[in-house]
Amino acid sequence: MKLPMLSMDICADDTAPDSRVRASVMRSERAALDTIGRYKNVSRGETVIWAGDESTICGNLLSGVLKLVACTTQGREQIVGLLYPADFVGQPYPGRAEFTITAMTDAELCVYSRRAFERLLTDQAGMERLLLQRTLAALNVARRQMWTLARTSAAEKVAGFLIDMTSRTASSGCRATYDAPVTFDLPLSRGQIADVLGLTIQTVSRQMTHLKAAGIIRLPGGRAITITDSIGLEARAVAA
């Protein structure tokens, strides 16, 4: 069985400027990844990597959502990031894991032995470059997350979070233009969103209600959400 490549976004738009490079990486290095990768299913609440433990695995997230957690000196846990399908899990090279990584939903991963993956990076320059690109992209995501958490109002935090969810999980949504409605399922419950944003579930629910009343979103049912006014949502994220 063929295993997925380093990042699932290799299968993105073939018109991208580096698509031929990515295709070349797929052809030349898939066989090498096949020899070291294995599928791993984890249940909601299950920990994949513990902070402080020896870093023995890394890999791709295929489905589900994982959270990166730091523990304060007082023993309080703080979510410092989220991982979505196509994100890289873990890190090559460091001896110890810096953050605990736990499944927020049922998830599937393709994992590699860290040391075997490091050897592969040494031998495959194209894959090493692709990992660098993914690392820099993850750094930008972390910076946006810090900005979201630094916002002073709950309205800004929730609006910013929904913008991020739209870009990360709504890629399959169909809309003719930028500001046309798009519907997708939120991967997290409102309680989990509250944990990520440092809010209460009541506050998250209240802000969702305000956005619905303003005609910016619709809530069809369950975890489904429709972004009806993306420009209005962005305005709420900048200033409540």
Foldseek 3Di string as FASTA:
>chain_A
DFDDDQFPCLPPDCVDPCNVLSVVCCVPCSVLLRVFKDKDKDAAFAWDFAFFAFQFKKFFWAAAKKFWWDADPVRDIATQDMDGGRAIGGDADDGGHHTIIGTNHTTMTIMGTRVSVVVSCVVDVSVVVVVVVRVVVVVVVSVLLVVLLPDDDPQLNLLSVVVVCCVRPQPVFDDDDDQAKTKDFDSHDLCVSCRSNVHHSVSNVVSVVVCVVVVQKDDPDDRMIMGNGNVVSVVSNVPD
